[in-house]
Amino acid sequence: MKIYPVTSSIVILFIVFFNIHNAFAQAAPEGLKTGDVAPDFTSINQFGDIIHLKNELEKGSVVLIFYRGEWCPYCNRQLAQLQDSLPMITAKHATVIAVTPEQRKGVTETIAKTKAMFSILSDDSLKILSAYKVNFKMSAGKNIIHVANGIDLKERNGSNSDNLPVPAVYIINPEGKITYRFFDTNFRKRASVAEILNNL
């Protein structure tokens, strides 16, 4: 059997492929689990109200939504569906809170598109995203794709730049425990309102 030597061009192609693969790869967060104690947080919503998770849980359960930004059609569809079903959610003595890494301008645009009247928090420090383990850093390759599609995360997220959340949903009971989670790294998949209602 004849053995062919590995040429330098093949080695170069392998190195280029390896570097491209690494550029597009991104670490996937794991999220919090059912039964975990939900980390407390304080932030300011779009109305200028101080939102303290501990205080919200005194009223009942909290449905905590993480979404990517107003540029994401899947996020807008999910938030609009939650707004449409808000009376059914509040009838179960639950409060909806949405969290995004986008700056407040993006939140305003989200509200214009979805008519959302529940609290939306701009997590400019990434403290909430990190505490709930939904945050990940966008790879250089994915950033290039987003910019090519007119989505400049540096402009939209400010100092958060290339950080995004897995679009997760957590239901937190009044005792501060997570009783339900939807966590899928495929951003096209979302928890349905029916599923959320069934778990309240």
Protein backbone atom coordinates (compact mmCIF):
# COMPACT_ATOMS: atom_id res chain seq x y z
CA MET A 1 0.00 0.00 0.00
CA LYS A 2 1.37 3.32 -1.01
CA ILE A 3 1.40 6.03 1.67
CA TYR A 4 1.00 9.57 0.42
CA PRO A 5 2.78 12.34 2.34
CA VAL A 6 0.70 15.04 3.98
CA THR A 7 1.31 18.19 2.00
CA SER A 8 1.63 21.63 3.56
CA SER A 9 -1.51 22.80 1.73
CA ILE A 10 -3.60 20.10 3.45
CA VAL A 11 -2.19 21.13 6.82
CA ILE A 12 -3.03 24.77 6.11
CA LEU A 13 -6.59 23.85 5.09
CA PHE A 14 -7.02 21.88 8.30
CA ILE A 15 -5.80 24.82 10.40
CA VAL A 16 -8.12 27.24 8.60
CA PHE A 17 -11.10 24.89 9.07
CA PHE A 18 -10.25 24.44 12.76
CA ASN A 19 -10.05 28.20 13.32
CA ILE A 20 -13.34 28.81 11.51
CA HIS A 21 -15.03 26.11 13.58
CA ASN A 22 -13.76 27.69 16.80
CA ALA A 23 -14.90 31.13 15.66
CA PHE A 24 -18.45 29.87 15.18
CA ALA A 25 -18.55 27.65 18.26
CA GLN A 26 -20.17 29.00 21.39
CA ALA A 27 -20.35 27.69 24.92
CA ALA A 28 -23.85 26.69 25.95
CA PRO A 29 -25.02 27.63 29.46
CA GLU A 30 -26.95 25.10 31.52
CA GLY A 31 -29.50 27.26 33.31
CA LEU A 32 -30.94 26.76 36.78
CA LYS A 33 -32.87 23.60 37.56
CA THR A 34 -36.34 22.88 38.90
CA GLY A 35 -36.15 22.94 42.70
CA ASP A 36 -33.34 25.52 42.80
CA VAL A 37 -33.79 28.65 44.88
CA ALA A 38 -34.35 31.58 42.51
CA PRO A 39 -31.69 34.29 42.93
CA ASP A 40 -33.17 37.55 44.17
CA PHE A 41 -32.71 40.70 42.08
CA THR A 42 -33.69 44.35 41.94
CA SER A 43 -34.01 46.40 38.76
CA ILE A 44 -36.06 49.17 37.16
CA ASN A 45 -38.74 48.41 34.58
CA GLN A 46 -39.89 50.44 31.56
CA PHE A 47 -42.27 52.50 33.73
CA GLY A 48 -39.51 53.57 36.11
CA ASP A 49 -40.77 51.27 38.89
CA ILE A 50 -38.32 49.41 41.11
CA ILE A 51 -38.87 45.68 40.63
CA HIS A 52 -37.65 43.52 43.51
CA LEU A 53 -38.24 39.81 42.99
CA LYS A 54 -38.79 39.24 46.71
CA ASN A 55 -41.61 41.80 46.73
CA GLU A 56 -43.21 40.36 43.59
CA LEU A 57 -43.26 36.88 45.15
CA GLU A 58 -45.28 38.24 48.06
CA LYS A 59 -48.14 38.68 45.55
CA GLY A 60 -47.84 35.15 44.10
CA SER A 61 -45.79 33.24 41.56
CA VAL A 62 -43.49 34.94 39.04
CA VAL A 63 -43.10 33.94 35.40
CA LEU A 64 -39.57 35.04 34.51
CA ILE A 65 -38.83 35.32 30.78
CA PHE A 66 -35.43 35.89 29.18
CA TYR A 67 -35.41 37.20 25.63
CA ARG A 68 -32.73 38.30 23.16
CA GLY A 69 -33.99 41.64 21.87
CA GLU A 70 -36.50 43.52 19.75
CA TRP A 71 -34.66 42.36 16.61
CA CYS A 72 -35.66 38.75 17.31
CA PRO A 73 -39.02 37.84 15.70
CA TYR A 74 -39.34 34.71 17.86
CA CYS A 75 -38.97 36.84 21.01
CA ASN A 76 -41.52 39.38 19.81
CA ARG A 77 -44.02 36.63 19.01
CA GLN A 78 -43.57 35.07 22.44
CA LEU A 79 -43.93 38.38 24.29
CA ALA A 80 -47.00 39.33 22.26
CA GLN A 81 -48.62 35.98 23.08
CA LEU A 82 -47.87 36.49 26.77
CA GLN A 83 -49.45 39.93 26.63
CA ASP A 84 -52.56 38.55 24.91
CA SER A 85 -52.86 35.91 27.65
CA LEU A 86 -51.89 38.18 30.53
CA PRO A 87 -55.40 38.19 32.10
CA MET A 88 -55.29 34.39 32.34
CA ILE A 89 -51.84 34.52 33.94
CA THR A 90 -52.76 37.20 36.48
CA ALA A 91 -55.95 35.26 37.27
CA LYS A 92 -53.61 32.61 38.66
CA HIS A 93 -52.05 35.29 40.91
CA ALA A 94 -48.87 35.32 38.86
CA THR A 95 -46.70 38.19 37.65
CA VAL A 96 -44.76 38.24 34.36
CA ILE A 97 -41.27 39.75 34.27
CA ALA A 98 -39.15 39.79 31.10
CA VAL A 99 -35.39 40.37 31.08
CA THR A 100 -33.17 41.36 28.14
CA PRO A 101 -29.54 42.44 27.69
CA GLU A 102 -30.71 45.22 25.34
CA GLN A 103 -30.53 48.87 26.27
CA ARG A 104 -33.68 50.78 27.18
CA LYS A 105 -34.15 52.03 23.61
CA GLY A 106 -34.51 48.41 22.50
CA VAL A 107 -37.03 47.78 25.29
CA THR A 108 -39.11 50.71 24.03
CA GLU A 109 -39.05 49.25 20.51
CA THR A 110 -40.03 45.83 21.88
CA ILE A 111 -43.06 47.36 23.60
CA ALA A 112 -44.09 49.11 20.38
CA LYS A 113 -44.01 45.77 18.55
CA THR A 114 -45.58 43.55 21.23
CA LYS A 115 -47.80 45.94 23.24
CA ALA A 116 -46.32 44.33 26.37
CA MET A 117 -47.62 45.87 29.59
CA PHE A 118 -45.81 43.57 32.01
CA SER A 119 -42.42 44.56 33.46
CA ILE A 120 -39.46 44.44 31.10
CA LEU A 121 -35.99 44.84 32.62
CA SER A 122 -32.88 45.96 30.76
CA ASP A 123 -30.14 43.92 32.42
CA ASP A 124 -27.29 46.28 31.57
CA SER A 125 -24.95 44.67 34.11
CA LEU A 126 -25.82 41.08 33.08
CA LYS A 127 -26.31 40.30 36.77
CA ILE A 128 -29.74 38.70 36.32
CA LEU A 129 -28.76 36.76 33.20
CA SER A 130 -25.63 35.46 34.93
CA ALA A 131 -27.43 34.60 38.19
CA TYR A 132 -29.95 32.46 36.29
CA LYS A 133 -27.19 30.90 34.15
CA VAL A 134 -28.78 31.77 30.83
CA ASN A 135 -26.05 34.10 29.59
CA PHE A 136 -23.53 33.22 26.89
CA LYS A 137 -21.01 35.17 24.86
CA MET A 138 -21.67 35.26 21.14
CA SER A 139 -18.84 33.81 19.09
CA ALA A 140 -16.96 36.01 16.60
CA GLY A 141 -18.40 34.02 13.71
CA LYS A 142 -21.99 34.45 14.89
CA ASN A 143 -21.37 38.15 15.39
CA ILE A 144 -20.25 38.44 11.79
CA ILE A 145 -23.49 36.77 10.67
CA HIS A 146 -25.61 39.11 12.81
CA VAL A 147 -23.85 42.22 11.50
CA ALA A 148 -24.29 40.97 7.93
CA ASN A 149 -28.03 40.76 8.68
CA GLY A 150 -28.15 44.30 10.05
CA ILE A 151 -28.07 43.34 13.74
CA ASP A 152 -25.28 45.23 15.49
CA LEU A 153 -25.31 43.90 19.05
CA LYS A 154 -22.68 46.41 20.14
CA GLU A 155 -25.07 49.21 19.19
CA ARG A 156 -28.13 47.49 20.68
CA ASN A 157 -26.62 46.05 23.85
CA GLY A 158 -24.07 48.74 24.64
CA SER A 159 -21.50 47.42 27.09
CA ASN A 160 -23.24 44.01 26.99
CA SER A 161 -22.19 43.84 23.34
CA ASP A 162 -22.03 40.19 22.25
CA ASN A 163 -23.83 38.71 25.27
CA LEU A 164 -27.19 37.00 24.75
CA PRO A 165 -29.47 34.81 26.86
CA VAL A 166 -30.90 31.42 26.07
CA PRO A 167 -34.62 32.37 25.75
CA ALA A 168 -35.55 30.55 28.94
CA VAL A 169 -38.67 30.62 31.10
CA TYR A 170 -38.70 30.02 34.86
CA ILE A 171 -41.78 29.84 37.08
CA ILE A 172 -40.90 30.78 40.65
CA ASN A 173 -43.34 29.98 43.47
CA PRO A 174 -44.03 32.36 46.39
CA GLU A 175 -41.47 30.46 48.49
CA GLY A 176 -38.77 31.42 45.98
CA LYS A 177 -38.30 27.96 44.44
CA ILE A 178 -38.19 27.27 40.71
CA THR A 179 -41.13 24.95 39.96
CA TYR A 180 -40.89 24.95 36.16
CA ARG A 181 -38.25 25.71 33.60
CA PHE A 182 -38.16 25.84 29.83
CA PHE A 183 -34.57 25.90 28.62
CA ASP A 184 -33.62 25.16 25.03
CA THR A 185 -30.54 26.51 23.27
CA ASN A 186 -32.49 26.38 20.00
CA PHE A 187 -33.82 29.96 20.00
CA ARG A 188 -36.66 28.97 17.67
CA LYS A 189 -38.25 26.79 20.36
CA ARG A 190 -40.32 28.59 23.01
CA ALA A 191 -42.53 27.67 25.93
CA SER A 192 -46.18 27.94 24.93
CA VAL A 193 -48.60 30.03 26.98
CA ALA A 194 -50.69 26.90 27.54
CA GLU A 195 -47.70 25.11 29.08
CA ILE A 196 -46.94 28.07 31.31
CA LEU A 197 -50.57 28.25 32.49
CA ASN A 198 -50.62 24.52 33.17
CA ASN A 199 -47.61 24.89 35.44
CA LEU A 200 -48.89 27.84 37.47
